[in-house]
C-alpha cells in the first residue's frame, strides 16, 4: 500500500521501530515494489504502552506538518495522533473484540475526535458491523477490499511436479484450508497439489497427520517463499484454491473467527494472474466472487463438492480460461493495489471536506 500510495501521488513515509539503514530497499526487494518507500524510525521500547510511545514518536518526528495524515492499523497510534491534532485514518481488518477494553475505549474516543477522518475496512460485512456498533461513524466508513499487484508481465512458471497442478498459497493456520486440501487430495490421485507457504512446524504437523492415514503422496509442500517468488508458483498452476473453513484463525489465534469479515490477499493474487479459482462459498467472499462467472464456489463442509468442481475444470480447459479471464478483468477494474490506494485517497479527501460524505463500496 505504501508503494501504491506513492504511485497515486501521495508523499509517503513508512514509520517502523528500529529499521535498518537500507530498510526501504530491503522491503522493495522482498515484496517486488516499484518504489522503495521512505522509511523512518519510531520509538517503541519493550515496555507497557509501547504503541502509545511509538505513535507519539511517529507524530512528533515525522509528521510535523499539520496537513499530514497519519494512516495506521493501530488503535493506540491513531488515538495518540488524534489527541495531538493530526489528521488520522485507521484501517481495521476485524471487529473490536471484547477482550481488549483499552482498545475499545481508545477507539470510541478516537472517532469522536475532530482530527479523526475515516475508518477503512476490508469488506461490506465489516462495514455493517462498525456502522451498527458505532453510529458516530456514519458517513465516514470506506470499504476497500484487499488487493494485489497487477501482473503486467507474467512470471516464468516454475517447473513443478505433476501433469495437472492444483495450487494453494498462504499460511497453514487453522481454518485457512489445509484441512480441506488433506481431505480432497486422496480423491484426486491424478492431480498434484502444491502448497506454497506455512511455518516449518505447521508443515511438519500436516506431514505427520497425512502419514498417519497413509495419504499425502500427491501433496508437495514448498514452505514459505519470499513474496516476490510466489508469482512463479501461481503461474505454474492449472487451478488455484482458496479453501477457507467456516472458522478461520489468523496470526496469534486467540479463538477469533475471521471468516465473517476477511478479504484474503491470495484471492486477489489469483485473480491478477487470471487463474481458475475454486473458493469456499462464504457470504463475505461473495462480495468479490460469483459462482460460474469469475470462480467456482464450493461448500467448505463438503469435500465432495470441491472434487466435483475440480474434476469439471480439469475436463474443460475452456472453462478454466473463461473463469480466469473474467477474474482478471474484475481484478484490474476493482482490486489492484493502485485502485485500492486511489479509492482510499479519494475517500479521505472527501472526508476532509466538511459537507462531504464518504461513499461506501468500490469506485
Protein backbone atom coordinates (compact mmCIF):
# COMPACT_ATOMS: atom_id res chain seq x y z
CA UNK A 1 0.00 0.00 0.00
CA UNK A 2 2.94 2.36 0.59
CA UNK A 3 4.02 1.58 -2.97
CA UNK A 4 0.53 2.23 -4.31
CA UNK A 5 0.10 5.47 -2.33
CA UNK A 6 3.39 6.70 -3.79
CA UNK A 7 2.26 5.83 -7.34
CA UNK A 8 -1.00 7.69 -6.65
CA UNK A 9 0.98 10.83 -5.89
CA UNK A 10 0.95 10.81 -2.10
CA UNK A 11 4.23 11.69 -0.38
CA UNK A 12 4.53 8.65 1.87
CA UNK A 13 6.75 7.75 4.81
CA UNK A 14 6.62 4.33 6.46
CA UNK A 15 7.44 4.54 10.18
CA UNK A 16 8.58 1.37 11.91
CA UNK A 17 10.53 0.52 15.07
CA UNK A 18 14.32 0.40 14.64
CA UNK A 19 14.51 -0.11 10.87
CA UNK A 20 17.87 -1.00 9.30
CA UNK A 21 19.53 1.73 7.30
CA UNK A 22 18.56 0.13 3.98
CA UNK A 23 15.02 -0.83 5.06
CA UNK A 24 13.33 0.72 2.03
CA UNK A 25 15.42 -1.25 -0.45
CA UNK A 26 15.03 -4.46 1.55
CA UNK A 27 11.26 -4.09 1.51
CA UNK A 28 11.29 -3.31 -2.20
CA UNK A 29 13.33 -6.43 -2.93
CA UNK A 30 11.24 -8.73 -0.72
CA UNK A 31 7.84 -7.55 -1.97
CA UNK A 32 8.84 -6.63 -5.53
CA UNK A 33 7.95 -2.95 -5.10
CA UNK A 34 8.35 -0.40 -7.88
CA UNK A 35 9.29 2.40 -5.43
CA UNK A 36 11.40 1.74 -2.33
CA UNK A 37 9.45 3.55 0.42
CA UNK A 38 11.00 6.22 2.60
CA UNK A 39 11.38 4.51 5.98
CA UNK A 40 11.72 6.39 9.26
CA UNK A 41 12.34 5.17 12.78
CA UNK A 42 9.79 5.26 15.58
CA UNK A 43 10.48 4.75 19.27
CA UNK A 44 8.84 1.56 20.58
CA UNK A 45 10.56 0.25 23.72
CA UNK A 46 9.53 -3.11 25.09
CA UNK A 47 7.53 -1.58 27.90
CA UNK A 48 3.82 -1.29 28.75
CA UNK A 49 2.25 1.32 26.49
CA UNK A 50 4.89 0.84 23.77
CA UNK A 51 2.42 1.52 20.94
CA UNK A 52 1.35 4.78 22.57
CA UNK A 53 5.02 5.83 22.72
CA UNK A 54 5.51 4.66 19.15
CA UNK A 55 2.56 6.76 17.98
CA UNK A 56 3.86 9.79 19.85
CA UNK A 57 7.32 9.50 18.32
CA UNK A 58 5.90 8.89 14.83
CA UNK A 59 3.83 12.06 15.01
CA UNK A 60 6.41 14.33 16.60
CA UNK A 61 9.36 13.23 14.48
CA UNK A 62 7.88 12.54 11.07
CA UNK A 63 4.53 14.32 10.66
CA UNK A 64 5.44 17.84 11.69
CA UNK A 65 3.28 19.45 9.01
CA UNK A 66 -0.33 19.81 10.04
CA UNK A 67 -1.61 18.85 6.61
CA UNK A 68 -0.03 15.42 7.04
CA UNK A 69 -2.27 12.45 7.68
CA UNK A 70 -1.41 9.51 9.92
CA UNK A 71 -2.64 6.25 8.36
CA UNK A 72 -2.39 3.25 10.65
CA UNK A 73 -3.84 -0.11 11.69
CA UNK A 74 -3.00 0.54 15.35
CA UNK A 75 -5.76 1.95 17.56
CA UNK A 76 -3.14 3.22 20.02
CA UNK A 77 -1.20 5.07 17.31
CA UNK A 78 -4.39 6.56 15.86
CA UNK A 79 -5.57 7.63 19.33
CA UNK A 80 -2.31 9.45 20.08
CA UNK A 81 -2.27 11.13 16.66
CA UNK A 82 -5.84 12.40 17.10
CA UNK A 83 -5.08 13.71 20.60
CA UNK A 84 -2.16 15.65 19.13
CA UNK A 85 -4.46 17.12 16.48
CA UNK A 86 -3.09 15.31 13.45
CA UNK A 87 -5.48 14.17 10.74
CA UNK A 88 -5.78 10.42 11.19
CA UNK A 89 -7.36 7.47 9.42
CA UNK A 90 -7.40 3.92 10.74
CA UNK A 91 -7.75 0.68 8.82
CA UNK A 92 -9.39 -2.27 10.59
CA UNK A 93 -9.50 -5.91 9.40
CA UNK A 94 -11.71 -7.26 12.17
CA UNK A 95 -14.24 -6.09 14.77
CA UNK A 96 -13.29 -4.61 18.13
CA UNK A 97 -13.03 -7.72 20.25
CA UNK A 98 -14.42 -7.73 23.76
CA UNK A 99 -11.14 -8.88 25.33
CA UNK A 100 -9.45 -5.56 24.55
CA UNK A 101 -11.26 -2.97 26.71
CA UNK A 102 -8.47 -0.39 26.37
CA UNK A 103 -8.65 -0.57 22.59
CA UNK A 104 -12.42 -0.15 22.66
CA UNK A 105 -12.19 2.91 24.93
CA UNK A 106 -9.49 4.48 22.79
CA UNK A 107 -11.39 3.72 19.60
CA UNK A 108 -14.56 5.36 20.95
CA UNK A 109 -12.58 8.49 21.87
CA UNK A 110 -10.77 8.40 18.53
CA UNK A 111 -13.90 8.50 16.38
CA UNK A 112 -15.23 11.45 18.40
CA UNK A 113 -12.06 13.49 17.86
CA UNK A 114 -12.10 16.44 15.46
CA UNK A 115 -8.92 15.14 13.82
CA UNK A 116 -10.43 11.74 13.00
CA UNK A 117 -11.03 11.42 9.26
CA UNK A 118 -12.15 7.93 8.26
CA UNK A 119 -12.33 4.26 9.11
CA UNK A 120 -11.18 1.96 6.30
CA UNK A 121 -12.45 -1.64 6.38
CA UNK A 122 -11.87 -4.60 4.08
CA UNK A 123 -15.43 -5.85 3.49
CA UNK A 124 -19.04 -4.71 3.40
CA UNK A 125 -19.80 -7.17 6.20
CA UNK A 126 -17.23 -5.48 8.43
CA UNK A 127 -18.53 -2.03 7.48
CA UNK A 128 -22.02 -3.12 8.54
CA UNK A 129 -20.68 -4.28 11.92
CA UNK A 130 -18.98 -0.95 12.62
CA UNK A 131 -21.92 1.10 11.35
CA UNK A 132 -24.26 -0.76 13.69
CA UNK A 133 -21.89 -0.82 16.66
CA UNK A 134 -20.59 2.76 16.34
CA UNK A 135 -23.28 5.10 14.94
CA UNK A 136 -20.82 8.02 15.18
CA UNK A 137 -19.05 6.54 12.15
CA UNK A 138 -21.98 7.29 9.84
CA UNK A 139 -20.65 8.64 6.53
CA UNK A 140 -17.03 8.03 7.50
CA UNK A 141 -16.53 4.38 6.56
CA UNK A 142 -14.59 3.49 3.41
CA UNK A 143 -14.86 -0.08 2.16
CA UNK A 144 -11.66 -1.12 0.40
CA UNK A 145 -11.22 -4.83 -0.18
CA UNK A 146 -7.65 -6.04 -0.05
CA UNK A 147 -5.73 -6.26 -3.30
CA UNK A 148 -2.63 -7.38 -5.16
CA UNK A 149 -0.20 -6.14 -7.77
CA UNK A 150 -1.30 -6.39 -11.41
CA UNK A 151 0.52 -8.97 -13.47
CA UNK A 152 1.81 -6.83 -16.33
CA UNK A 153 4.47 -9.33 -17.31
CA UNK A 154 3.64 -12.87 -16.16
CA UNK A 155 6.41 -14.56 -14.22
CA UNK A 156 8.08 -17.55 -15.79
CA UNK A 157 6.20 -20.56 -14.42
CA UNK A 158 8.26 -22.88 -12.29
CA UNK A 159 8.79 -26.44 -13.41
CA UNK A 160 6.64 -28.14 -10.78
CA UNK A 161 5.80 -31.79 -10.35
CA UNK A 162 2.64 -33.18 -11.97
CA UNK A 163 0.75 -33.07 -15.26
CA UNK A 164 -2.26 -31.37 -13.64
CA UNK A 165 -1.27 -28.96 -10.89
CA UNK A 166 -3.54 -27.57 -8.19
CA UNK A 167 -2.09 -24.80 -6.06
CA UNK A 168 -2.55 -23.12 -2.70
CA UNK A 169 -0.52 -20.17 -1.42
CA UNK A 170 -0.67 -18.82 2.10
CA UNK A 171 -0.43 -19.70 5.76
CA UNK A 172 -1.47 -23.00 7.28
CA UNK A 173 -3.21 -21.58 10.34
CA UNK A 174 -6.35 -23.46 11.46
CA UNK A 175 -9.23 -22.85 9.08
CA UNK A 176 -7.11 -21.44 6.24
CA UNK A 177 -7.78 -24.59 4.26
CA UNK A 178 -5.14 -27.26 4.76
CA UNK A 179 -7.89 -29.34 6.34
CA UNK A 180 -9.80 -29.36 3.05
CA UNK A 181 -6.68 -29.96 0.98
CA UNK A 182 -5.89 -33.02 3.11
CA UNK A 183 -9.44 -34.28 2.58
CA UNK A 184 -9.58 -33.87 -1.20
CA UNK A 185 -6.03 -34.95 -2.10
CA UNK A 186 -6.73 -38.73 -1.83
CA UNK A 187 -9.81 -38.26 -4.03
CA UNK A 188 -7.73 -36.66 -6.80
CA UNK A 189 -4.94 -39.18 -7.45
CA UNK A 190 -4.38 -37.85 -10.98
CA UNK A 191 -3.57 -34.34 -9.70
CA UNK A 192 -0.57 -32.93 -7.85
CA UNK A 193 -1.34 -30.42 -5.11
CA UNK A 194 1.30 -27.77 -4.38
CA UNK A 195 1.18 -25.91 -1.05
CA UNK A 196 3.28 -22.73 -1.00
CA UNK A 197 3.65 -21.23 2.47
CA UNK A 198 3.48 -22.29 6.07
CA UNK A 199 5.84 -22.29 9.03
CA UNK A 200 8.13 -25.33 9.39
CA UNK A 201 6.21 -26.54 12.44
CA UNK A 202 2.88 -26.33 10.58
CA UNK A 203 4.26 -28.25 7.61
CA UNK A 204 5.67 -30.94 9.92
CA UNK A 205 2.31 -31.25 11.64
CA UNK A 206 0.44 -31.81 8.38
CA UNK A 207 3.04 -34.21 7.02
CA UNK A 208 2.65 -36.27 10.19
CA UNK A 209 -1.16 -36.15 10.00
CA UNK A 210 -1.16 -37.26 6.37
CA UNK A 211 1.31 -40.06 7.10
CA UNK A 212 -0.94 -41.41 9.87
CA UNK A 213 -3.73 -42.10 7.39
CA UNK A 214 -1.45 -43.14 4.55
CA UNK A 215 -2.17 -40.19 2.26
CA UNK A 216 -0.35 -37.13 1.01
CA UNK A 217 1.72 -38.70 -1.75
CA UNK A 218 0.32 -36.16 -4.21
CA UNK A 219 0.89 -33.11 -1.96
CA UNK A 220 4.13 -31.13 -2.24
CA UNK A 221 4.97 -28.61 0.50
CA UNK A 222 7.21 -25.79 -0.73
CA UNK A 223 7.31 -23.85 2.54
CA UNK A 224 7.42 -20.10 2.97
CA UNK A 225 8.74 -18.24 -0.05
CA UNK A 226 9.54 -14.52 -0.49
CA UNK A 227 6.56 -12.64 -1.84
CA UNK A 228 8.47 -11.78 -4.99
CA UNK A 229 8.83 -15.51 -5.82
CA UNK A 230 5.20 -16.53 -5.31
CA UNK A 231 4.12 -15.37 -8.78
CA UNK A 232 6.20 -18.09 -10.43
CA UNK A 233 4.36 -20.75 -8.43
CA UNK A 234 0.91 -19.33 -9.23
CA UNK A 235 1.75 -19.16 -12.94
CA UNK A 236 2.56 -22.88 -12.90
CA UNK A 237 -0.87 -23.88 -11.52
CA UNK A 238 -3.82 -25.10 -13.59
CA UNK A 239 -6.29 -24.43 -10.76
CA UNK A 240 -5.80 -22.47 -7.54
CA UNK A 241 -7.64 -23.00 -4.25
CA UNK A 242 -8.99 -20.66 -1.56
CA UNK A 243 -10.34 -23.38 0.77
CA UNK A 244 -11.39 -21.40 3.85
CA UNK A 245 -13.41 -23.13 6.54
CA UNK A 246 -16.29 -21.51 8.39
CA UNK A 247 -13.94 -20.82 11.28
CA UNK A 248 -10.69 -19.15 10.23
CA UNK A 249 -7.96 -18.37 12.73
CA UNK A 250 -5.39 -15.71 11.95
CA UNK A 251 -1.96 -14.88 13.30
CA UNK A 252 -1.94 -15.16 17.06
CA UNK A 253 -5.12 -17.23 17.16
CA UNK A 254 -6.96 -16.36 20.39
CA UNK A 255 -10.04 -18.20 19.14
CA UNK A 256 -11.22 -15.37 16.91
CA UNK A 257 -13.12 -16.24 13.77
CA UNK A 258 -12.10 -14.14 10.75
CA UNK A 259 -14.33 -15.85 8.19
CA UNK A 260 -17.17 -13.32 8.50
CA UNK A 261 -15.00 -10.27 7.72
CA UNK A 262 -11.94 -11.32 5.74
CA UNK A 263 -10.69 -10.14 2.35
CA UNK A 264 -7.92 -12.64 1.54
CA UNK A 265 -4.83 -11.38 -0.25
CA UNK A 266 -4.35 -14.67 -2.06
CA UNK A 267 -7.74 -14.31 -3.73
CA UNK A 268 -6.67 -11.12 -5.48
CA UNK A 269 -3.26 -12.54 -6.38
CA UNK A 270 -5.03 -15.48 -8.03
CA UNK A 271 -7.37 -13.09 -9.88
CA UNK A 272 -4.47 -10.94 -11.06
CA UNK A 273 -2.86 -14.00 -12.63
CA UNK A 274 -6.09 -14.90 -14.42
CA UNK A 275 -6.27 -18.34 -12.84
CA UNK A 276 -9.31 -20.58 -12.46
CA UNK A 277 -10.23 -20.37 -8.77
CA UNK A 278 -12.14 -22.80 -6.60
CA UNK A 279 -13.13 -20.95 -3.43
CA UNK A 280 -15.19 -21.57 -0.32
CA UNK A 281 -18.77 -20.39 -0.64
CA UNK A 282 -18.85 -17.90 2.25
CA UNK A 283 -21.03 -14.74 2.29
CA UNK A 284 -18.12 -12.31 2.66
CA UNK A 285 -16.33 -13.82 -0.35
CA UNK A 286 -19.44 -13.41 -2.49
CA UNK A 287 -18.70 -9.67 -2.29
CA UNK A 288 -15.90 -10.41 -4.77
CA UNK A 289 -16.68 -13.75 -6.45
CA UNK A 290 -19.71 -15.07 -8.32
CA UNK A 291 -20.06 -18.80 -8.90
CA UNK A 292 -19.67 -19.73 -12.55
CA UNK A 293 -18.67 -16.18 -13.53
CA UNK A 294 -15.22 -15.47 -12.10
CA UNK A 295 -14.73 -18.57 -9.93
CA UNK A 296 -16.27 -21.82 -8.79
CA UNK A 297 -17.66 -21.73 -5.27
CA UNK A 298 -17.95 -24.87 -3.13
CA UNK A 299 -19.30 -25.72 0.31
CA UNK A 300 -16.39 -25.75 2.79
CA UNK A 301 -18.17 -28.54 4.70
CA UNK A 302 -18.42 -30.81 1.65
CA UNK A 303 -15.10 -32.06 0.20
CA UNK A 304 -17.03 -33.94 -2.49
CA UNK A 305 -18.22 -30.59 -3.91
CA UNK A 306 -14.60 -29.49 -4.24
CA UNK A 307 -13.65 -32.71 -6.00
CA UNK A 308 -16.58 -32.33 -8.39
CA UNK A 309 -15.70 -28.70 -9.18
CA UNK A 310 -12.03 -29.55 -9.73
CA UNK A 311 -12.83 -32.52 -11.96
CA UNK A 312 -15.20 -30.40 -14.04
CA UNK A 313 -12.48 -27.79 -14.54
CA UNK A 314 -9.91 -30.49 -15.25
CA UNK A 315 -12.00 -31.78 -18.13
CA UNK A 316 -12.76 -28.31 -19.55
CA UNK A 317 -9.73 -26.12 -20.29
CA UNK A 318 -12.09 -23.65 -21.98
CA UNK A 319 -13.98 -23.10 -18.74
CA UNK A 320 -10.74 -22.60 -16.83
CA UNK A 321 -9.64 -19.95 -19.31
CA UNK A 322 -13.01 -18.18 -19.23
CA UNK A 323 -13.22 -18.06 -15.44
CA UNK A 324 -9.63 -16.85 -15.17
CA UNK A 325 -10.09 -14.17 -17.82
CA UNK A 326 -13.18 -12.75 -16.12
CA UNK A 327 -11.44 -12.85 -12.73
CA UNK A 328 -8.55 -10.85 -14.14
CA UNK A 329 -10.87 -8.23 -15.67
CA UNK A 330 -12.63 -7.80 -12.32
CA UNK A 331 -9.28 -7.55 -10.57
CA UNK A 332 -7.91 -4.85 -12.88
CA UNK A 333 -11.11 -2.81 -12.61
CA UNK A 334 -11.52 -3.03 -8.83
CA UNK A 335 -8.91 -4.81 -6.79
CA UNK A 336 -5.34 -3.84 -7.68
CA UNK A 337 -3.31 -2.02 -5.02
CA UNK A 338 -3.39 1.05 -7.26
CA UNK A 339 -7.18 1.03 -7.46
CA UNK A 340 -7.37 0.49 -3.70
CA UNK A 341 -4.99 3.37 -2.96
CA UNK A 342 -6.86 5.72 -5.32
CA UNK A 343 -10.19 4.75 -3.76
CA UNK A 344 -8.92 5.35 -0.22
CA UNK A 345 -7.28 8.66 -1.09
CA UNK A 346 -10.45 9.86 -2.82
CA UNK A 347 -12.45 8.94 0.26
CA UNK A 348 -10.01 10.67 2.59
CA UNK A 349 -10.11 13.86 0.52
CA UNK A 350 -13.91 13.84 0.61
CA UNK A 351 -13.95 13.18 4.35
CA UNK A 352 -11.76 16.22 4.97
CA UNK A 353 -14.33 18.39 3.18
CA UNK A 354 -16.91 19.27 5.89
CA UNK A 355 -20.01 18.77 3.75
CA UNK A 356 -18.79 15.61 2.11
CA UNK A 357 -19.84 12.10 2.92
CA UNK A 358 -17.56 9.19 2.12
CA UNK A 359 -19.21 6.68 -0.20
CA UNK A 360 -19.17 3.01 0.60
CA UNK A 361 -18.04 0.41 -1.87
CA UNK A 362 -15.60 0.33 -4.73
CA UNK A 363 -15.48 3.28 -7.16
